Amino acid sequence: MDAKFLNVLILGFGFMFVFTAFQTMGNIEKTILDSISKEDPSFKGDAYVSLSIIYASFSLFNWFAPSFMAFTGPRVAMIVGAAAYAGFMVVFLFPTTWLLYFLSAVLGAGASITWTGQGNYLARCSDPQSISRNSGIFWALLQCSMFFGNIFVYFQFQDKTNIDADTRRIVISVLLGVAVLGIVFLCSLRQVSDNSADADNELRENQTGWDSAVFALKEAGKLFITKDMMLLSVTFLYTGLELSFFSGVYGSSIGFTSKISATPKEIVGLAGICIGAGEVLAGGIFGIFGKLTTRNGRDPIVIAGYVLHVITFFLIFINLPNSSPSGNTDDVSYIDPPKPWVALIAAFMLGFGDACFNTQIYSMLGGVFVRNSVGAFALFKFTQSVAAAISFFYSSHLGLHVQLAILLVFGTLGTVCFVVVEWSYKRRGGGGQIEDHKE
């Protein structure tokens, strides 16, 4: 095992623990805050507003992430950003409306440097032959977070229709401890040289400092308006919309559908586990068979993910009522009563399809845009988080069926745009992997 691959594993474990805390919290935030509001009428915090602020802040600060990394490098950026994730957990121990929204904004800023740092660090540890493998393995480790957190929540929420203060305190304290463990892993990462310098010394010619920071921001802006990045931005938008759907809306919709089970809150945890199972299985497959992706291209995997998501949206449409995202409801859809097993199958397919899109996006950005991987990953997360912020904003105002229709439209457009870019690279260099490509 070479040192760079070991760093990929450590990176995966670090993100697994940090996002065991955050993804679990995102999945149950609506349920937790509704329970707090019932006990304390003065608390007016709304989960969808909190998540919308997170992703709005995330999108804004992504433009400054390359400049921040010009000073710190990816390793320090990830550690600082992960600390923001841990800090966000604290507000649920001391629930205050203004503090919830303030720390949501801080978390968004931290997330921008965390994910930009992660993308750049993964690219530094990879080459065009190993990027697909490393992306798949990282994604599988990251999504293991969906297992551990949601299994824990499932047992803690058993037989509970309202999440009492003691249960909340136990869950949040454990998740906070897990986030700190993830930061410890990130601190153990080794420094890795910037492989973009091997291809182009232009970034190196600008010494660290304000000149380097401004240069990084300008380069990201130039990359954003290129044809290929504009097309890929449609795919990025779709991943943001479906991210917000499966991480915040879908679980809440299940939990609010009273006829799906005697204790629907339990199904929320199981759905999170199934989403994680789909993510991990897909990431593992694409990691193990990364060489096939290198040879045959990324487009078949993205198309497969799109087909899976279309089937999934249909299952959700016939199983959950239109009013389910907004609050507790006795309504039904076309299946009466709603079936838990259909909800769980749909959850698994949501996760598998999401991994199809994200692993191939990581592979493309880390392999094709190697000369400016910092800018490429920052733009990916910017566009994705803008879509997620918009989605969380309209989630509390639109019915489930309209949200599914939006996902279907953008899923179709995003898949077409990705395939167009991938086929373009195949024509230029064969196999879709062009190390010396420069926008």
Protein backbone atom coordinates (compact mmCIF):
# COMPACT_ATOMS: atom_id res chain seq x y z
CA MET A 1 0.00 0.00 0.00
CA ASP A 2 1.56 3.30 -1.08
CA ALA A 3 1.51 6.40 1.09
CA LYS A 4 -0.94 8.30 -1.10
CA PHE A 5 -3.51 5.50 -1.01
CA LEU A 6 -3.14 5.32 2.78
CA ASN A 7 -3.91 9.04 2.91
CA VAL A 8 -7.06 8.41 0.85
CA LEU A 9 -8.18 5.85 3.46
CA ILE A 10 -7.45 8.21 6.37
CA LEU A 11 -9.29 10.97 4.53
CA GLY A 12 -12.27 8.66 4.06
CA PHE A 13 -12.37 7.68 7.72
CA GLY A 14 -12.06 11.31 8.84
CA PHE A 15 -15.01 12.36 6.70
CA MET A 16 -16.94 9.25 7.71
CA PHE A 17 -16.86 10.28 11.38
CA VAL A 18 -17.51 14.00 10.77
CA PHE A 19 -20.47 13.21 8.55
CA THR A 20 -21.78 10.48 10.80
CA ALA A 21 -22.56 13.46 12.99
CA PHE A 22 -23.73 15.95 10.38
CA GLN A 23 -25.68 13.73 7.98
CA THR A 24 -27.47 12.06 10.86
CA MET A 25 -28.28 15.46 12.31
CA GLY A 26 -29.55 16.69 8.95
CA ASN A 27 -31.77 13.63 8.64
CA ILE A 28 -33.39 14.16 12.05
CA GLU A 29 -33.12 17.96 12.40
CA LYS A 30 -36.74 18.59 11.44
CA THR A 31 -37.96 15.97 13.92
CA ILE A 32 -35.65 17.26 16.69
CA LEU A 33 -36.60 20.93 16.26
CA ASP A 34 -40.31 20.17 16.12
CA SER A 35 -39.97 18.34 19.45
CA ILE A 36 -38.06 21.28 20.96
CA SER A 37 -40.76 23.70 19.79
CA LYS A 38 -43.46 21.65 21.52
CA GLU A 39 -41.60 21.86 24.82
CA ASP A 40 -40.48 25.48 24.43
CA PRO A 41 -42.96 27.68 22.50
CA SER A 42 -40.42 30.54 22.47
CA PHE A 43 -38.14 28.49 20.23
CA LYS A 44 -38.99 29.30 16.60
CA GLY A 45 -36.14 27.52 14.82
CA ASP A 46 -37.10 25.76 11.59
CA ALA A 47 -35.00 22.92 10.17
CA TYR A 48 -35.62 23.78 6.54
CA VAL A 49 -34.62 27.42 7.14
CA SER A 50 -31.48 26.26 8.99
CA LEU A 51 -30.50 23.93 6.17
CA SER A 52 -31.25 26.61 3.59
CA ILE A 53 -28.94 29.05 5.43
CA ILE A 54 -26.21 26.38 5.58
CA TYR A 55 -26.25 25.86 1.84
CA ALA A 56 -26.68 29.54 0.98
CA SER A 57 -23.61 30.35 3.09
CA PHE A 58 -21.87 27.31 1.60
CA SER A 59 -22.48 28.60 -1.93
CA LEU A 60 -21.31 32.14 -1.13
CA PHE A 61 -18.08 31.15 0.61
CA ASN A 62 -17.16 28.60 -2.05
CA TRP A 63 -15.93 31.53 -4.13
CA PHE A 64 -13.43 32.38 -1.41
CA ALA A 65 -12.40 28.79 -0.62
CA PRO A 66 -9.59 28.71 -3.23
CA SER A 67 -8.20 31.96 -1.80
CA PHE A 68 -8.36 30.56 1.74
CA MET A 69 -6.53 27.44 0.60
CA ALA A 70 -3.83 29.58 -1.00
CA PHE A 71 -2.85 30.49 2.56
CA THR A 72 -3.50 27.19 4.37
CA GLY A 73 -3.38 24.28 1.93
CA PRO A 74 -6.06 21.55 1.85
CA ARG A 75 -5.16 19.78 5.11
CA VAL A 76 -5.55 22.82 7.40
CA ALA A 77 -8.64 23.92 5.48
CA MET A 78 -10.35 20.58 6.13
CA ILE A 79 -9.49 20.67 9.85
CA VAL A 80 -10.84 24.23 10.28
CA GLY A 81 -13.96 23.39 8.31
CA ALA A 82 -14.59 20.18 10.26
CA ALA A 83 -14.43 22.20 13.49
CA ALA A 84 -17.36 24.25 12.17
CA TYR A 85 -19.36 21.03 11.74
CA ALA A 86 -18.66 20.06 15.34
CA GLY A 87 -19.57 23.55 16.56
CA PHE A 88 -22.95 23.35 14.83
CA MET A 89 -23.90 20.33 16.97
CA VAL A 90 -23.60 22.39 20.16
CA VAL A 91 -26.69 24.51 19.39
CA PHE A 92 -28.95 21.47 19.81
CA LEU A 93 -27.76 21.11 23.39
CA PHE A 94 -28.63 24.77 24.06
CA PRO A 95 -31.45 25.50 21.58
CA THR A 96 -31.77 29.19 20.74
CA THR A 97 -33.32 30.44 17.53
CA TRP A 98 -30.74 33.11 16.65
CA LEU A 99 -27.84 30.82 17.60
CA LEU A 100 -29.21 28.04 15.38
CA TYR A 101 -29.28 30.33 12.35
CA PHE A 102 -25.91 31.97 13.14
CA LEU A 103 -24.11 28.63 13.50
CA SER A 104 -25.86 27.44 10.34
CA ALA A 105 -24.14 30.29 8.48
CA VAL A 106 -20.80 29.49 10.15
CA LEU A 107 -21.19 25.85 9.17
CA GLY A 108 -21.81 26.81 5.54
CA ALA A 109 -18.56 28.80 5.49
CA GLY A 110 -16.71 25.88 7.09
CA ALA A 111 -18.24 23.41 4.64
CA SER A 112 -16.92 25.39 1.66
CA ILE A 113 -13.28 25.02 2.71
CA THR A 114 -13.81 21.45 3.95
CA TRP A 115 -15.10 20.15 0.62
CA THR A 116 -12.80 22.22 -1.57
CA GLY A 117 -9.87 20.99 0.53
CA GLN A 118 -11.12 17.41 0.26
CA GLY A 119 -11.41 17.55 -3.51
CA ASN A 120 -7.94 19.05 -3.91
CA TYR A 121 -6.37 16.61 -1.44
CA LEU A 122 -7.97 13.63 -3.20
CA ALA A 123 -6.66 14.92 -6.54
CA ARG A 124 -3.18 15.28 -5.03
CA CYS A 125 -3.29 11.64 -3.92
CA SER A 126 -4.42 10.42 -7.35
CA ASP A 127 -3.44 10.25 -10.99
CA PRO A 128 -5.68 9.72 -14.05
CA GLN A 129 -5.42 5.95 -13.61
CA SER A 130 -6.27 5.88 -9.88
CA ILE A 131 -8.76 8.75 -9.55
CA SER A 132 -11.84 6.59 -10.24
CA ARG A 133 -10.71 3.98 -7.72
CA ASN A 134 -9.85 6.58 -5.09
CA SER A 135 -13.12 8.49 -5.65
CA GLY A 136 -15.16 5.30 -5.23
CA ILE A 137 -13.32 4.20 -2.08
CA PHE A 138 -13.55 7.66 -0.52
CA TRP A 139 -17.26 7.83 -1.31
CA ALA A 140 -17.90 4.37 0.17
CA LEU A 141 -16.09 5.28 3.40
CA LEU A 142 -17.84 8.65 3.60
CA GLN A 143 -21.28 7.12 3.19
CA CYS A 144 -20.67 4.54 5.91
CA SER A 145 -21.66 7.51 8.07
CA MET A 146 -25.25 6.85 7.03
CA PHE A 147 -25.09 3.43 8.69
CA PHE A 148 -23.66 4.21 12.09
CA GLY A 149 -25.55 7.41 12.79
CA ASN A 150 -28.92 6.15 11.65
CA ILE A 151 -28.61 2.76 13.41
CA PHE A 152 -27.92 4.69 16.61
CA VAL A 153 -30.88 7.02 15.98
CA TYR A 154 -33.16 4.09 15.16
CA PHE A 155 -32.63 2.50 18.58
CA GLN A 156 -32.77 5.83 20.42
CA PHE A 157 -36.05 6.84 18.72
CA GLN A 158 -37.80 3.49 19.13
CA ASP A 159 -41.39 3.74 20.38
CA LYS A 160 -41.17 7.55 20.55
CA THR A 161 -43.66 9.87 18.87
CA ASN A 162 -41.98 12.91 20.45
CA ILE A 163 -38.22 13.17 21.05
CA ASP A 164 -37.81 14.15 24.71
CA ALA A 165 -34.98 16.30 26.10
CA ASP A 166 -33.02 13.38 27.61
CA THR A 167 -33.06 11.45 24.34
CA ARG A 168 -31.99 14.55 22.41
CA ARG A 169 -29.13 15.17 24.84
CA ILE A 170 -27.82 11.62 24.49
CA VAL A 171 -28.06 11.59 20.69
CA ILE A 172 -26.47 15.01 20.19
CA SER A 173 -23.65 14.41 22.70
CA VAL A 174 -22.70 11.14 21.01
CA LEU A 175 -22.80 12.72 17.55
CA LEU A 176 -20.63 15.62 18.76
CA GLY A 177 -18.05 13.15 20.12
CA VAL A 178 -18.00 11.31 16.80
CA ALA A 179 -17.40 14.58 14.93
CA VAL A 180 -14.40 15.33 17.17
CA LEU A 181 -13.01 11.85 16.39
CA GLY A 182 -13.23 12.70 12.68
CA ILE A 183 -11.21 15.87 13.25
CA VAL A 184 -8.51 13.75 14.94
CA PHE A 185 -8.27 11.60 11.79
CA LEU A 186 -7.98 14.69 9.58
CA CYS A 187 -5.19 15.99 11.80
CA SER A 188 -3.24 12.79 11.11
CA LEU A 189 -3.17 13.33 7.33
CA ARG A 190 0.28 13.78 5.80
CA GLN A 191 1.19 16.73 3.62
CA VAL A 192 0.99 15.82 -0.09
CA SER A 193 2.61 17.85 -2.86
CA ASP A 194 0.39 19.68 -5.33
CA ASN A 195 0.33 17.57 -8.50
CA SER A 196 -1.12 20.48 -10.47
CA ALA A 197 2.37 21.98 -10.29
CA ASP A 198 3.73 19.04 -12.25
CA ALA A 199 1.52 20.01 -15.18
CA ASP A 200 1.55 23.79 -14.90
CA ASN A 201 3.77 26.00 -12.76
CA GLU A 202 1.53 29.02 -13.22
CA LEU A 203 -0.10 28.59 -9.82
CA ARG A 204 3.31 28.17 -8.20
CA GLU A 205 4.62 31.39 -9.70
CA ASN A 206 2.27 33.34 -7.41
CA GLN A 207 3.77 33.23 -3.95
CA THR A 208 1.53 32.60 -0.96
CA GLY A 209 -0.22 35.75 0.21
CA TRP A 210 -2.83 38.09 -1.16
CA ASP A 211 -1.53 37.85 -4.74
CA SER A 212 -1.95 34.09 -4.66
CA ALA A 213 -5.40 34.38 -3.08
CA VAL A 214 -6.62 36.86 -5.70
CA PHE A 215 -5.12 34.75 -8.49
CA ALA A 216 -6.97 31.65 -7.22
CA LEU A 217 -10.27 33.55 -7.19
CA LYS A 218 -9.73 34.84 -10.74
CA GLU A 219 -8.84 31.37 -12.01
CA ALA A 220 -12.05 29.95 -10.51
CA GLY A 221 -14.04 32.68 -12.24
CA LYS A 222 -12.41 31.96 -15.61
CA LEU A 223 -13.06 28.25 -15.23
CA PHE A 224 -16.72 28.84 -14.35
CA ILE A 225 -17.54 30.49 -17.71
CA THR A 226 -15.99 27.78 -19.88
CA LYS A 227 -18.38 25.69 -21.98
CA ASP A 228 -17.61 22.39 -20.26
CA MET A 229 -18.00 23.79 -16.75
CA MET A 230 -21.26 25.53 -17.67
CA LEU A 231 -22.66 22.22 -18.93
CA LEU A 232 -21.42 20.36 -15.86
CA SER A 233 -23.05 23.01 -13.67
CA VAL A 234 -26.45 21.65 -14.70
CA THR A 235 -25.38 18.24 -13.38
CA PHE A 236 -24.06 19.90 -10.21
CA LEU A 237 -27.44 21.61 -9.75
CA TYR A 238 -29.22 18.28 -9.90
CA THR A 239 -26.92 16.72 -7.29
CA GLY A 240 -27.71 19.65 -4.99
CA LEU A 241 -31.46 19.26 -5.44
CA GLU A 242 -31.43 15.52 -4.81
CA LEU A 243 -28.95 15.93 -1.92
CA SER A 244 -31.38 18.19 -0.08
CA PHE A 245 -34.24 15.84 -0.92
CA PHE A 246 -32.75 12.64 0.44
CA SER A 247 -30.86 14.26 3.34
CA GLY A 248 -33.62 16.48 4.69
CA VAL A 249 -36.98 16.10 2.95
CA TYR A 250 -37.42 12.38 2.32
CA GLY A 251 -36.77 11.25 5.89
CA SER A 252 -39.05 13.96 7.27
CA SER A 253 -41.79 13.00 4.79
CA ILE A 254 -41.66 9.41 6.01
CA GLY A 255 -41.70 10.48 9.64
CA PHE A 256 -44.71 12.75 9.08
CA THR A 257 -46.76 10.06 7.27
CA SER A 258 -48.71 8.65 10.21
CA LYS A 259 -50.29 5.74 8.32
CA ILE A 260 -46.99 4.23 7.19
CA SER A 261 -46.38 2.69 10.63
CA ALA A 262 -47.54 2.80 14.23
CA THR A 263 -44.25 4.57 14.99
CA PRO A 264 -43.20 6.31 11.75
CA LYS A 265 -40.23 8.04 13.42
CA GLU A 266 -38.50 4.65 13.56
CA ILE A 267 -38.76 4.32 9.78
CA VAL A 268 -36.78 7.57 9.42
CA GLY A 269 -33.68 5.92 10.88
CA LEU A 270 -34.14 2.79 8.76
CA ALA A 271 -34.51 4.92 5.63
CA GLY A 272 -31.23 6.66 6.45
CA ILE A 273 -29.55 3.26 6.82
CA CYS A 274 -30.91 2.16 3.43
CA ILE A 275 -29.69 5.36 1.77
CA GLY A 276 -26.27 4.71 3.27
CA ALA A 277 -26.33 1.08 2.08
CA GLY A 278 -26.97 2.22 -1.48
CA GLU A 279 -24.20 4.85 -1.28
CA VAL A 280 -21.64 2.43 0.18
CA LEU A 281 -22.44 -0.42 -2.21
CA ALA A 282 -22.19 1.82 -5.26
CA GLY A 283 -19.01 3.52 -4.02
CA GLY A 284 -17.42 0.16 -3.27
CA ILE A 285 -18.29 -1.23 -6.70
CA PHE A 286 -16.94 1.83 -8.52
CA GLY A 287 -13.79 1.79 -6.37
CA ILE A 288 -13.05 -1.89 -6.96
CA PHE A 289 -13.80 -1.69 -10.68
CA GLY A 290 -12.29 1.76 -11.20
CA LYS A 291 -10.14 0.54 -14.10
CA LEU A 292 -13.28 -0.37 -16.04
CA THR A 293 -14.52 3.20 -15.62
CA THR A 294 -11.20 4.51 -16.89
CA ARG A 295 -11.48 2.28 -19.97
CA ASN A 296 -15.22 2.57 -20.75
CA GLY A 297 -15.95 6.09 -19.54
CA ARG A 298 -18.10 7.62 -16.82
CA ASP A 299 -21.30 8.16 -18.81
CA PRO A 300 -22.78 4.62 -18.47
CA ILE A 301 -22.65 4.93 -14.66
CA VAL A 302 -24.31 8.35 -14.65
CA ILE A 303 -27.04 7.13 -17.02
CA ALA A 304 -27.64 4.11 -14.75
CA GLY A 305 -27.96 6.45 -11.77
CA TYR A 306 -30.48 8.57 -13.66
CA VAL A 307 -32.64 5.55 -14.56
CA LEU A 308 -32.57 4.39 -10.93
CA HIS A 309 -33.66 7.82 -9.73
CA VAL A 310 -36.55 8.01 -12.19
CA ILE A 311 -37.86 4.66 -10.89
CA THR A 312 -37.31 5.87 -7.33
CA PHE A 313 -39.28 9.08 -7.83
CA PHE A 314 -42.19 7.04 -9.17
CA LEU A 315 -42.15 4.76 -6.11
CA ILE A 316 -42.10 7.75 -3.76
CA PHE A 317 -44.91 9.41 -5.75
CA ILE A 318 -47.27 6.46 -5.34
CA ASN A 319 -46.28 5.69 -1.74
CA LEU A 320 -46.11 8.99 0.19
CA PRO A 321 -48.81 11.70 0.36
CA ASN A 322 -48.28 15.07 -1.26
CA SER A 323 -48.58 16.89 2.09
CA SER A 324 -45.94 14.79 3.89
CA PRO A 325 -42.99 17.27 3.75
CA SER A 326 -44.89 19.93 5.73
CA GLY A 327 -45.91 18.12 8.93
CA ASN A 328 -47.81 15.22 10.44
CA THR A 329 -50.52 14.02 8.08
CA ASP A 330 -53.13 11.26 7.82
CA ASP A 331 -53.29 11.67 4.03
CA VAL A 332 -52.37 8.84 1.67
CA SER A 333 -51.16 8.66 -1.93
CA TYR A 334 -51.94 5.89 -4.42
CA ILE A 335 -50.85 3.08 -2.05
CA ASP A 336 -53.23 2.92 0.92
CA PRO A 337 -51.84 2.49 3.49
CA PRO A 338 -48.29 3.56 2.56
CA LYS A 339 -45.83 0.66 2.68
CA PRO A 340 -42.65 0.90 4.81
CA TRP A 341 -40.84 -1.58 2.55
CA VAL A 342 -41.52 0.56 -0.52
CA ALA A 343 -40.13 3.59 1.33
CA LEU A 344 -36.99 1.64 2.27
CA ILE A 345 -36.42 0.30 -1.25
CA ALA A 346 -36.77 3.85 -2.57
CA ALA A 347 -34.27 5.04 0.05
CA PHE A 348 -31.71 2.45 -1.07
CA MET A 349 -32.15 3.45 -4.71
CA LEU A 350 -31.83 7.14 -3.84
CA GLY A 351 -28.45 6.41 -2.24
CA PHE A 352 -27.19 4.16 -5.05
CA GLY A 353 -28.18 6.67 -7.73
CA ASP A 354 -26.63 9.56 -5.80
CA ALA A 355 -23.32 7.67 -5.63
CA CYS A 356 -23.48 7.05 -9.40
CA PHE A 357 -23.54 10.79 -10.01
CA ASN A 358 -21.12 11.94 -7.32
CA THR A 359 -18.36 9.37 -7.80
CA GLN A 360 -18.21 10.13 -11.51
CA ILE A 361 -18.22 13.89 -10.90
CA TYR A 362 -15.29 13.44 -8.50
CA SER A 363 -13.54 11.28 -11.08
CA MET A 364 -14.00 13.88 -13.81
CA LEU A 365 -12.96 16.90 -11.72
CA GLY A 366 -9.96 15.15 -10.18
CA GLY A 367 -8.77 13.57 -13.43
CA VAL A 368 -9.74 15.94 -16.23
CA PHE A 369 -9.43 19.28 -14.41
CA VAL A 370 -6.21 18.34 -12.65
CA ARG A 371 -4.55 21.67 -13.52
CA ASN A 372 -7.08 23.60 -11.44
CA SER A 373 -8.66 21.01 -9.17
CA VAL A 374 -9.10 23.58 -6.37
CA GLY A 375 -11.19 25.82 -8.61
CA ALA A 376 -13.09 22.90 -10.15
CA PHE A 377 -14.14 21.43 -6.82
CA ALA A 378 -15.01 24.87 -5.43
CA LEU A 379 -17.29 25.52 -8.41
CA PHE A 380 -18.86 22.08 -8.03
CA LYS A 381 -19.69 22.71 -4.40
CA PHE A 382 -20.80 26.28 -5.13
CA THR A 383 -23.34 25.18 -7.72
CA GLN A 384 -24.45 22.15 -5.72
CA SER A 385 -24.97 24.19 -2.56
CA VAL A 386 -26.91 26.92 -4.38
CA ALA A 387 -29.32 24.25 -5.59
CA ALA A 388 -29.54 22.70 -2.12
CA ALA A 389 -30.25 26.08 -0.51
CA ILE A 390 -33.03 26.79 -3.01
CA SER A 391 -34.44 23.30 -2.52
CA PHE A 392 -34.52 23.57 1.27
CA PHE A 393 -36.20 26.96 0.93
CA TYR A 394 -39.05 25.67 -1.23
CA SER A 395 -39.32 22.33 0.63
CA SER A 396 -41.62 23.78 3.28
CA HIS A 397 -43.81 25.52 0.68
CA LEU A 398 -44.22 22.96 -2.10
CA GLY A 399 -45.92 19.58 -2.00
CA LEU A 400 -44.02 16.34 -2.46
CA HIS A 401 -45.28 15.79 -6.00
CA VAL A 402 -44.05 19.16 -7.27
CA GLN A 403 -40.66 18.52 -5.65
CA LEU A 404 -40.43 15.16 -7.41
CA ALA A 405 -41.30 16.82 -10.74
CA ILE A 406 -38.49 19.36 -10.26
CA LEU A 407 -36.05 16.53 -9.55
CA LEU A 408 -37.15 14.67 -12.68
CA VAL A 409 -36.64 17.69 -14.94
CA PHE A 410 -33.22 18.60 -13.59
CA GLY A 411 -32.15 14.96 -13.43
CA THR A 412 -32.85 14.62 -17.15
CA LEU A 413 -31.04 17.84 -18.06
CA GLY A 414 -28.11 17.09 -15.74
CA THR A 415 -27.59 13.62 -17.20
CA VAL A 416 -27.66 14.90 -20.77
CA CYS A 417 -25.13 17.64 -19.96
CA PHE A 418 -22.74 15.25 -18.22
CA VAL A 419 -22.86 12.82 -21.14
CA VAL A 420 -22.17 15.64 -23.62
CA VAL A 421 -19.04 16.69 -21.70
CA GLU A 422 -17.84 13.10 -21.24
CA TRP A 423 -18.28 12.29 -24.93
CA SER A 424 -16.41 15.48 -25.80
CA TYR A 425 -13.41 14.34 -23.74
CA LYS A 426 -13.54 10.88 -25.27
CA ARG A 427 -13.29 12.43 -28.73
CA ARG A 428 -10.36 14.61 -27.68
CA GLY A 429 -8.26 12.13 -25.77
CA GLY A 430 -9.94 8.73 -25.59
CA GLY A 431 -11.37 7.14 -22.43
CA GLY A 432 -12.35 10.47 -20.92
CA GLN A 433 -9.09 10.88 -18.98
CA ILE A 434 -7.02 13.82 -20.23
CA GLU A 435 -4.30 14.74 -17.82
CA ASP A 436 -2.98 17.71 -19.76
CA HIS A 437 -6.34 19.32 -20.45
CA LYS A 438 -6.53 22.98 -19.53
CA GLU A 439 -9.56 25.21 -19.62
